[in-house]
Amino acid sequence: MKANLPSEAASVEQINKYFLEQQEITEQMLKILEAQEDATTSEILGCKESIKNFREAMKQADSKMEQMSLKDVYYNLGKALCAAWNKDQETLGKLKCCPNIRAEKWNNPKDFSWEAGKGFVPSKAVLGEPIGNLANNDQYLINPIYEETIMEEAAKQSMMMNLVTHRPMSGPSIFIPQRDRGGIELKWLTSYGQKIDATKSNMPTRTELKCYTLAGYVPYFDEFGEDAFADLGKMFLEDFTEAYGQEFDKQCLTANAAPFTGAMNVTGAEVHTASSAAIENLSYLDFRAAELKVEPEERKYCKWFMNETVLNHITNIKDDNNNPIWRKPWEGMPSRLDGYDVIESRLLPQFSEIEEDTVFAIFMNPKRIIHGNRKGIEIKRFDETTESLEYGELFMRFRKRDGFLVTRPAKNMVLLKTAEE
């Protein structure tokens, strides 16, 4: 356990989160030991002593752990990318990256340690493989510290990542119960001994949230040199976070093809038709009428999602005297519409592109969108491509596993669309 204690973290939040998780784990271990009845006293005392030593090691690590700057993350990430490209396992081991041997269930970096002269040494047998088989096809999982920093930066590029519900997933799928509010049917009893016949749980279905693998290729030319670690890491982080942030928003809002369906195309959502087929006649009253299709207890958590050009039209509406009724010329774009927050997304239809019978805005509680997150970002070099032969262009492939599911759309989510002519 001591070998897995980190010596650095990218932020104070990461440090606090790590030690809180470790404290919860050790407390659970102690509870399990106290409940054991078939183990000898000496075995239990030995385990307790090991936990005590681990706690002492955590205290020392807490005082010695260093906070890295973003530039340090750039440098170390670039160094890891260069090592993966050059198949430098010693550098990867020192940076606490690890080979990804498994195909379906990925490895955990905590399951490996680097030992000089031995290479990557697994702390336990790899599922389905002998202990010494570390053939990994040059696929490596990056240090979880760098992974968390990458995802924090990706959240800055995404409109949805900080709004949806995140579910950690250890397997390829989990089942989520679909229930009405409260989940239980209630009945009043008016006499002593009356039969209770309507208090069963009201959960007719369970929905499966599945994770799939997202892959992308970051192009390079000749950047894999020792004097460019920081620039290499920054380039990878910026390219990854921009592409991933946009893809995250797409899967939440507009996806309409396998494997996921976004909120705009989900089955079962309420639909409100605007008063006119011409988008130019759109009024804030159309938004107000759509909001009433969501029940009050859910409505207070809802937000509007639309393109900024649609919001711009609404706020520029003028009265009969040609004066703006909302936004004056010296005022900025408002962030609320009819009392509800507005989230602007360029993925939703622009005002000039909206035709008749077209959905252009969504009113919903974004927490109803569930993101299934499986830990791990894998990197792998790709150099035997047509582009590399013709132009000298190289590629670093990355893979990450995610799942998206829009839940309970009925009476909780409204799609606003133009009328038919």
Protein backbone atom coordinates (compact mmCIF):
# COMPACT_ATOMS: atom_id res chain seq x y z
CA MET A 1 0.00 0.00 0.00
CA LYS A 2 2.83 2.40 0.80
CA ALA A 3 4.22 2.04 -2.71
CA ASN A 4 1.03 3.51 -4.14
CA LEU A 5 1.14 6.75 -2.11
CA PRO A 6 1.56 9.70 -4.52
CA SER A 7 4.25 12.31 -3.93
CA GLU A 8 2.56 15.14 -5.84
CA ALA A 9 -0.81 16.44 -7.01
CA ALA A 10 -2.01 19.11 -9.41
CA SER A 11 -4.19 21.01 -6.92
CA VAL A 12 -5.14 21.28 -3.26
CA GLU A 13 -8.53 19.79 -4.17
CA GLN A 14 -6.84 16.67 -5.54
CA ILE A 15 -4.77 16.31 -2.35
CA ASN A 16 -7.81 16.65 -0.09
CA LYS A 17 -9.89 14.28 -2.23
CA TYR A 18 -7.18 11.62 -2.25
CA PHE A 19 -6.66 11.54 1.52
CA LEU A 20 -10.40 11.63 2.22
CA GLU A 21 -10.87 8.56 -0.01
CA GLN A 22 -7.98 6.75 1.68
CA GLN A 23 -9.38 7.52 5.13
CA GLU A 24 -12.76 6.08 4.15
CA ILE A 25 -11.09 2.94 2.79
CA THR A 26 -9.07 2.29 5.95
CA GLU A 27 -12.14 2.82 8.15
CA GLN A 28 -14.06 0.25 6.11
CA MET A 29 -11.15 -2.18 6.40
CA LEU A 30 -11.17 -1.85 10.18
CA LYS A 31 -14.93 -2.47 10.33
CA ILE A 32 -14.52 -5.63 8.24
CA LEU A 33 -11.75 -6.89 10.53
CA GLU A 34 -13.86 -6.32 13.63
CA ALA A 35 -16.67 -8.38 12.07
CA GLN A 36 -14.40 -11.36 11.33
CA GLU A 37 -15.11 -14.47 13.40
CA ASP A 38 -13.11 -17.20 11.66
CA ALA A 39 -9.70 -15.45 11.69
CA THR A 40 -7.15 -15.92 14.47
CA THR A 41 -6.31 -13.14 16.88
CA SER A 42 -2.74 -12.89 15.58
CA GLU A 43 -3.97 -12.50 11.98
CA ILE A 44 -6.37 -9.71 12.93
CA LEU A 45 -3.70 -7.94 14.99
CA GLY A 46 -1.27 -8.22 12.08
CA CYS A 47 -3.79 -6.63 9.69
CA LYS A 48 -4.55 -3.84 12.16
CA GLU A 49 -0.83 -3.16 12.54
CA SER A 50 -0.48 -2.92 8.75
CA ILE A 51 -3.36 -0.42 8.59
CA LYS A 52 -1.78 1.58 11.41
CA ASN A 53 1.53 1.74 9.52
CA PHE A 54 -0.31 2.79 6.36
CA ARG A 55 -2.03 5.63 8.25
CA GLU A 56 1.34 6.81 9.53
CA ALA A 57 2.68 6.73 5.97
CA MET A 58 -0.31 8.82 4.84
CA LYS A 59 0.42 11.42 7.51
CA GLN A 60 3.99 11.70 6.31
CA ALA A 61 2.88 11.86 2.67
CA ASP A 62 0.36 14.58 3.55
CA SER A 63 3.13 16.78 4.93
CA LYS A 64 5.51 16.08 2.04
CA MET A 65 3.12 16.07 -0.93
CA GLU A 66 3.89 18.85 -3.37
CA GLN A 67 1.39 20.82 -5.40
CA MET A 68 2.28 20.94 -9.09
CA SER A 69 1.67 23.95 -11.29
CA LEU A 70 -0.13 23.56 -14.61
CA LYS A 71 3.25 24.01 -16.29
CA ASP A 72 4.58 21.03 -14.31
CA VAL A 73 1.64 18.96 -15.57
CA TYR A 74 2.40 20.07 -19.14
CA TYR A 75 6.04 19.02 -18.74
CA ASN A 76 5.34 15.63 -17.15
CA LEU A 77 2.52 14.85 -19.58
CA GLY A 78 4.75 15.73 -22.52
CA LYS A 79 7.51 13.60 -21.06
CA ALA A 80 5.08 10.67 -20.77
CA LEU A 81 3.92 11.13 -24.37
CA CYS A 82 7.51 11.21 -25.59
CA ALA A 83 8.34 8.09 -23.54
CA ALA A 84 5.30 6.26 -24.96
CA TRP A 85 6.37 7.23 -28.46
CA ASN A 86 9.94 6.04 -27.91
CA LYS A 87 8.86 2.93 -25.93
CA ASP A 88 10.80 4.20 -22.89
CA GLN A 89 9.18 2.10 -20.18
CA GLU A 90 11.57 3.29 -17.47
CA THR A 91 10.45 6.91 -17.85
CA LEU A 92 6.80 5.83 -18.02
CA GLY A 93 7.26 3.85 -14.81
CA LYS A 94 8.85 6.78 -12.99
CA LEU A 95 5.93 8.98 -14.08
CA LYS A 96 3.50 6.37 -12.66
CA CYS A 97 1.99 5.47 -16.01
CA CYS A 98 1.35 1.79 -16.62
CA PRO A 99 0.87 -0.69 -19.48
CA ASN A 100 -2.73 -1.40 -20.43
CA ILE A 101 -2.80 -5.14 -20.94
CA ARG A 102 -6.48 -5.93 -20.72
CA ALA A 103 -8.83 -5.49 -23.64
CA GLU A 104 -12.28 -5.15 -22.02
CA LYS A 105 -11.46 -4.25 -18.42
CA TRP A 106 -8.53 -1.88 -18.38
CA ASN A 107 -5.70 -2.06 -15.88
CA ASN A 108 -5.41 0.17 -12.84
CA PRO A 109 -2.15 2.14 -12.51
CA LYS A 110 -2.18 1.27 -8.80
CA ASP A 111 -1.77 -2.41 -9.75
CA PHE A 112 1.72 -1.77 -11.13
CA SER A 113 5.02 -0.47 -9.78
CA TRP A 114 8.27 0.20 -11.57
CA GLU A 115 11.41 -1.53 -10.31
CA ALA A 116 14.85 -0.89 -11.76
CA GLY A 117 16.14 -3.94 -13.57
CA LYS A 118 12.70 -5.63 -13.51
CA GLY A 119 10.48 -3.14 -15.30
CA PHE A 120 6.74 -2.99 -14.59
CA VAL A 121 5.90 -5.38 -11.78
CA PRO A 122 2.19 -6.18 -11.25
CA SER A 123 1.05 -6.31 -7.65
CA LYS A 124 -1.41 -9.07 -8.58
CA ALA A 125 -1.92 -11.44 -11.48
CA VAL A 126 -3.47 -9.92 -14.57
CA LEU A 127 -6.84 -11.51 -15.28
CA GLY A 128 -6.48 -14.37 -17.74
CA GLU A 129 -2.72 -13.98 -18.14
CA PRO A 130 0.30 -15.46 -16.39
CA ILE A 131 2.01 -13.10 -13.94
CA GLY A 132 4.94 -12.45 -16.25
CA ASN A 133 3.08 -11.60 -19.46
CA LEU A 134 3.22 -7.84 -19.91
CA ALA A 135 2.73 -7.66 -23.69
CA ASN A 136 0.65 -4.50 -24.08
CA ASN A 137 0.99 -3.52 -27.76
CA ASP A 138 2.52 -0.16 -26.69
CA GLN A 139 -0.70 0.97 -24.98
CA TYR A 140 -0.26 2.90 -21.74
CA LEU A 141 -2.57 4.48 -19.16
CA ILE A 142 -1.43 7.91 -18.03
CA ASN A 143 -0.92 8.86 -14.39
CA PRO A 144 -4.37 9.46 -12.77
CA ILE A 145 -3.12 12.84 -11.50
CA TYR A 146 -2.60 14.04 -15.08
CA GLU A 147 -5.90 12.47 -16.11
CA GLU A 148 -7.81 14.42 -13.47
CA THR A 149 -6.09 17.65 -14.50
CA ILE A 150 -6.97 17.00 -18.16
CA MET A 151 -10.63 16.46 -17.25
CA GLU A 152 -10.69 19.64 -15.15
CA GLU A 153 -9.43 21.58 -18.16
CA ALA A 154 -11.94 19.79 -20.43
CA ALA A 155 -14.77 20.99 -18.17
CA LYS A 156 -13.77 24.57 -19.01
CA GLN A 157 -14.33 23.81 -22.71
CA SER A 158 -17.75 22.21 -22.14
CA MET A 159 -21.08 23.84 -21.33
CA MET A 160 -22.55 20.62 -19.91
CA MET A 161 -19.81 18.86 -17.96
CA ASN A 162 -20.38 20.84 -14.75
CA LEU A 163 -24.18 20.58 -15.03
CA VAL A 164 -24.95 16.88 -15.56
CA THR A 165 -24.91 14.00 -13.06
CA HIS A 166 -21.69 11.98 -13.06
CA ARG A 167 -21.74 8.28 -12.15
CA PRO A 168 -18.45 6.41 -11.64
CA MET A 169 -18.55 3.03 -13.40
CA SER A 170 -16.28 0.08 -12.74
CA GLY A 171 -17.92 -2.09 -15.41
CA PRO A 172 -19.30 -1.63 -18.94
CA SER A 173 -22.87 -0.99 -17.75
CA ILE A 174 -25.06 -0.23 -14.73
CA PHE A 175 -28.84 -0.30 -14.26
CA ILE A 176 -30.61 2.87 -13.11
CA PRO A 177 -34.14 2.59 -11.69
CA GLN A 178 -36.76 4.76 -13.36
CA ARG A 179 -39.21 5.95 -10.74
CA ASP A 180 -41.78 8.66 -10.18
CA ARG A 181 -41.14 11.23 -7.48
CA GLY A 182 -40.84 9.51 -4.14
CA GLY A 183 -40.95 6.08 -5.76
CA ILE A 184 -43.70 4.76 -3.45
CA GLU A 185 -47.48 4.79 -3.73
CA LEU A 186 -49.17 5.84 -0.47
CA LYS A 187 -52.60 5.07 0.94
CA TRP A 188 -54.49 6.36 3.99
CA LEU A 189 -55.79 3.81 6.51
CA THR A 190 -59.15 4.79 8.00
CA SER A 191 -59.78 1.83 10.27
CA TYR A 192 -57.78 -0.52 12.47
CA GLY A 193 -56.66 -3.69 10.66
CA GLN A 194 -57.45 -2.32 7.20
CA LYS A 195 -55.64 -4.16 4.40
CA ILE A 196 -52.70 -2.27 2.89
CA ASP A 197 -52.92 -2.90 -0.83
CA ALA A 198 -51.26 0.09 -2.50
CA THR A 199 -47.89 0.78 -0.88
CA LYS A 200 -45.67 -1.10 -3.28
CA SER A 201 -42.67 0.53 -4.86
CA ASN A 202 -43.51 2.37 -8.06
CA MET A 203 -40.51 1.44 -10.20
CA PRO A 204 -41.83 -0.23 -13.36
CA THR A 205 -38.60 -0.18 -15.35
CA ARG A 206 -34.84 -0.05 -15.05
CA THR A 207 -32.73 1.66 -17.67
CA GLU A 208 -29.27 0.46 -18.59
CA LEU A 209 -26.43 2.97 -18.83
CA LYS A 210 -23.70 1.60 -21.07
CA CYS A 211 -20.16 2.85 -21.53
CA TYR A 212 -18.38 2.81 -24.86
CA THR A 213 -14.86 3.72 -25.91
CA LEU A 214 -14.15 7.11 -27.47
CA ALA A 215 -11.00 7.29 -29.60
CA GLY A 216 -9.21 10.20 -31.22
CA TYR A 217 -5.90 10.99 -32.86
CA VAL A 218 -3.76 14.02 -32.01
CA PRO A 219 -1.50 14.87 -35.00
CA TYR A 220 2.19 15.74 -34.60
CA PHE A 221 5.17 16.11 -36.88
CA ASP A 222 8.58 16.02 -35.18
CA GLU A 223 7.78 17.31 -31.69
CA PHE A 224 8.91 14.21 -29.77
CA GLY A 225 12.18 15.67 -28.53
CA GLU A 226 13.62 16.18 -25.04
CA ASP A 227 13.60 19.99 -25.38
CA ALA A 228 9.85 20.18 -26.05
CA PHE A 229 8.20 18.28 -23.19
CA ALA A 230 6.17 21.25 -21.88
CA ASP A 231 5.03 22.35 -25.35
CA LEU A 232 4.20 18.76 -26.30
CA GLY A 233 2.10 18.22 -23.17
CA LYS A 234 0.33 21.57 -23.58
CA MET A 235 -0.47 20.80 -27.22
CA PHE A 236 -1.93 17.40 -26.33
CA LEU A 237 -3.95 18.77 -23.40
CA GLU A 238 -5.40 21.66 -25.42
CA ASP A 239 -6.26 19.50 -28.44
CA PHE A 240 -7.80 16.78 -26.26
CA THR A 241 -9.84 19.10 -24.03
CA GLU A 242 -11.26 21.14 -26.91
CA ALA A 243 -12.33 18.08 -28.89
CA TYR A 244 -13.60 16.18 -25.84
CA GLY A 245 -15.52 19.17 -24.46
CA GLN A 246 -17.40 19.61 -27.74
CA GLU A 247 -18.10 15.88 -28.01
CA PHE A 248 -19.38 15.80 -24.42
CA ASP A 249 -21.88 18.58 -25.18
CA LYS A 250 -22.94 16.90 -28.42
CA GLN A 251 -23.75 13.61 -26.68
CA CYS A 252 -25.74 15.44 -23.99
CA LEU A 253 -27.73 17.72 -26.30
CA THR A 254 -27.91 16.82 -29.99
CA ALA A 255 -26.68 13.24 -30.51
CA ASN A 256 -29.03 11.31 -32.76
CA ALA A 257 -27.03 8.22 -33.71
CA ALA A 258 -25.57 5.18 -32.02
CA PRO A 259 -24.50 4.72 -29.35
CA PHE A 260 -26.21 7.64 -27.53
CA THR A 261 -29.23 9.93 -27.92
CA GLY A 262 -29.13 13.53 -26.72
CA ALA A 263 -31.86 15.55 -25.05
CA MET A 264 -33.04 17.14 -28.33
CA ASN A 265 -33.85 13.74 -29.84
CA VAL A 266 -34.90 11.73 -26.80
CA THR A 267 -38.18 9.84 -26.92
CA GLY A 268 -40.87 10.83 -24.41
CA ALA A 269 -40.02 14.50 -23.87
CA GLU A 270 -42.81 17.08 -23.89
CA VAL A 271 -43.03 19.17 -27.06
CA HIS A 272 -44.32 22.74 -27.17
CA THR A 273 -45.07 24.36 -30.51
CA ALA A 274 -44.42 28.07 -30.88
CA SER A 275 -47.25 30.34 -32.03
CA SER A 276 -45.79 30.75 -35.51
CA ALA A 277 -43.94 28.69 -38.12
CA ALA A 278 -41.73 31.70 -38.87
CA ILE A 279 -38.91 32.00 -36.35
CA GLU A 280 -38.94 35.78 -36.84
CA ASN A 281 -42.27 35.89 -34.96
CA LEU A 282 -40.85 34.14 -31.91
CA SER A 283 -41.82 35.77 -28.62
CA TYR A 284 -40.76 35.32 -25.01
CA LEU A 285 -44.38 34.26 -24.42
CA ASP A 286 -43.62 31.05 -26.34
CA PHE A 287 -40.93 30.26 -23.79
CA ARG A 288 -43.22 31.06 -20.89
CA ALA A 289 -45.92 28.71 -22.18
CA ALA A 290 -43.39 25.90 -22.67
CA GLU A 291 -42.15 26.22 -19.07
CA LEU A 292 -45.61 25.43 -17.71
CA LYS A 293 -45.44 21.92 -19.20
CA VAL A 294 -42.88 20.99 -16.53
CA GLU A 295 -44.23 20.31 -13.05
CA PRO A 296 -43.41 23.05 -10.49
CA GLU A 297 -41.23 20.93 -8.21
CA GLU A 298 -39.01 20.05 -11.19
CA ARG A 299 -39.24 23.43 -12.88
CA LYS A 300 -37.24 25.23 -10.20
CA TYR A 301 -34.15 23.20 -11.20
CA CYS A 302 -34.55 23.74 -14.94
CA LYS A 303 -32.54 25.84 -17.35
CA TRP A 304 -33.01 26.95 -20.95
CA PHE A 305 -30.58 25.63 -23.58
CA MET A 306 -30.39 27.47 -26.91
CA ASN A 307 -28.09 29.07 -29.42
CA GLU A 308 -26.97 32.60 -28.54
CA THR A 309 -28.54 33.92 -31.76
CA VAL A 310 -32.00 32.83 -30.55
CA LEU A 311 -31.51 34.59 -27.22
CA ASN A 312 -30.24 37.64 -29.06
CA HIS A 313 -33.48 37.80 -31.09
CA ILE A 314 -35.67 37.58 -27.99
CA THR A 315 -33.78 40.30 -26.15
CA ASN A 316 -33.90 42.62 -29.17
CA ILE A 317 -37.72 42.62 -29.51
CA LYS A 318 -39.08 46.18 -29.57
CA ASP A 319 -42.40 47.72 -28.56
CA ASP A 320 -44.81 49.66 -30.78
CA ASN A 321 -42.67 52.78 -30.37
CA ASN A 322 -39.59 50.93 -31.66
CA ASN A 323 -37.96 50.92 -28.23
CA PRO A 324 -36.30 47.75 -26.90
CA ILE A 325 -38.51 46.20 -24.23
CA TRP A 326 -35.70 44.20 -22.66
CA ARG A 327 -32.09 44.89 -23.52
CA LYS A 328 -31.03 48.50 -23.91
CA PRO A 329 -28.19 49.35 -26.33
CA TRP A 330 -25.68 49.76 -23.48
CA GLU A 331 -26.55 46.46 -21.79
CA GLY A 332 -24.89 43.09 -22.30
CA MET A 333 -26.55 39.81 -23.20
CA PRO A 334 -28.66 38.63 -20.23
CA SER A 335 -28.02 35.21 -18.70
CA ARG A 336 -31.64 34.57 -17.68
CA LEU A 337 -34.90 34.23 -19.58
CA ASP A 338 -38.24 34.53 -17.76
CA GLY A 339 -36.39 33.93 -14.49
CA TYR A 340 -34.47 30.82 -15.59
CA ASP A 341 -30.78 30.50 -16.40
CA VAL A 342 -29.87 30.31 -20.09
CA ILE A 343 -27.06 28.04 -21.24
CA GLU A 344 -25.84 29.06 -24.69
CA SER A 345 -24.61 26.29 -26.98
CA ARG A 346 -23.43 26.66 -30.55
CA LEU A 347 -24.46 23.04 -31.17
CA LEU A 348 -28.14 24.04 -31.12
CA PRO A 349 -29.70 25.57 -34.27
CA GLN A 350 -28.78 29.14 -35.15
CA PHE A 351 -31.62 31.62 -35.58
CA SER A 352 -31.08 32.01 -39.35
CA GLU A 353 -31.13 28.21 -39.89
CA ILE A 354 -34.41 27.47 -38.08
CA GLU A 355 -37.19 26.43 -40.42
CA GLU A 356 -40.77 25.33 -39.79
CA ASP A 357 -41.38 22.35 -37.48
CA THR A 358 -37.83 22.54 -36.08
CA VAL A 359 -36.76 22.05 -32.46
CA PHE A 360 -34.48 24.91 -31.44
CA ALA A 361 -34.50 25.13 -27.62
CA ILE A 362 -34.67 22.78 -24.62
CA PHE A 363 -36.06 23.47 -21.14
CA MET A 364 -34.83 20.87 -18.65
CA ASN A 365 -33.03 20.03 -15.45
CA PRO A 366 -29.55 19.05 -16.70
CA LYS A 367 -29.09 16.71 -13.73
CA ARG A 368 -31.47 14.34 -15.54
CA ILE A 369 -28.64 13.65 -17.99
CA ILE A 370 -26.36 10.99 -16.52
CA HIS A 371 -22.74 10.69 -17.55
CA GLY A 372 -21.15 7.32 -16.85
CA ASN A 373 -17.44 7.81 -16.25
CA ARG A 374 -14.92 4.98 -16.39
CA LYS A 375 -11.47 6.00 -15.19
CA GLY A 376 -8.46 5.89 -17.44
CA ILE A 377 -7.02 7.67 -20.49
CA GLU A 378 -4.98 5.43 -22.75
CA ILE A 379 -2.30 6.61 -25.19
CA LYS A 380 -0.70 4.71 -28.08
CA ARG A 381 1.66 5.73 -30.89
CA PHE A 382 0.58 5.52 -34.53
CA ASP A 383 3.26 6.13 -37.14
CA GLU A 384 2.65 3.59 -39.91
CA THR A 385 -0.03 5.59 -41.69
CA THR A 386 -0.44 7.07 -45.15
CA GLU A 387 -0.07 10.57 -43.70
CA SER A 388 3.22 9.70 -42.03
CA LEU A 389 4.61 8.31 -45.28
CA GLU A 390 3.45 11.22 -47.44
CA TYR A 391 3.75 14.20 -45.10
CA GLY A 392 5.74 12.99 -42.09
CA GLU A 393 2.67 13.47 -39.88
CA LEU A 394 2.57 11.34 -36.73
CA PHE A 395 -0.39 10.51 -34.49
CA MET A 396 -0.84 9.82 -30.79
CA ARG A 397 -4.08 7.93 -30.28
CA PHE A 398 -6.02 8.45 -27.08
CA ARG A 399 -8.95 6.40 -25.77
CA LYS A 400 -11.44 7.14 -22.99
CA ARG A 401 -14.61 5.34 -21.91
CA ASP A 402 -17.90 7.19 -21.30
CA GLY A 403 -21.65 6.65 -21.28
CA PHE A 404 -24.56 9.11 -21.64
CA LEU A 405 -28.23 8.65 -20.77
CA VAL A 406 -31.15 11.09 -20.71
CA THR A 407 -33.50 9.97 -17.92
CA ARG A 408 -37.14 10.70 -17.07
CA PRO A 409 -37.94 13.09 -19.96
CA ALA A 410 -41.74 12.84 -19.56
CA LYS A 411 -43.14 15.95 -17.82
CA ASN A 412 -39.59 16.95 -16.88
CA MET A 413 -38.23 18.13 -20.21
CA VAL A 414 -39.73 20.36 -22.93
CA LEU A 415 -38.57 20.76 -26.53
CA LEU A 416 -39.58 24.10 -28.07
CA LYS A 417 -40.12 24.03 -31.83
CA THR A 418 -41.60 26.17 -34.59
CA ALA A 419 -45.08 25.43 -35.89
CA GLU A 420 -45.94 23.77 -39.19
CA GLU A 421 -47.26 25.92 -41.99
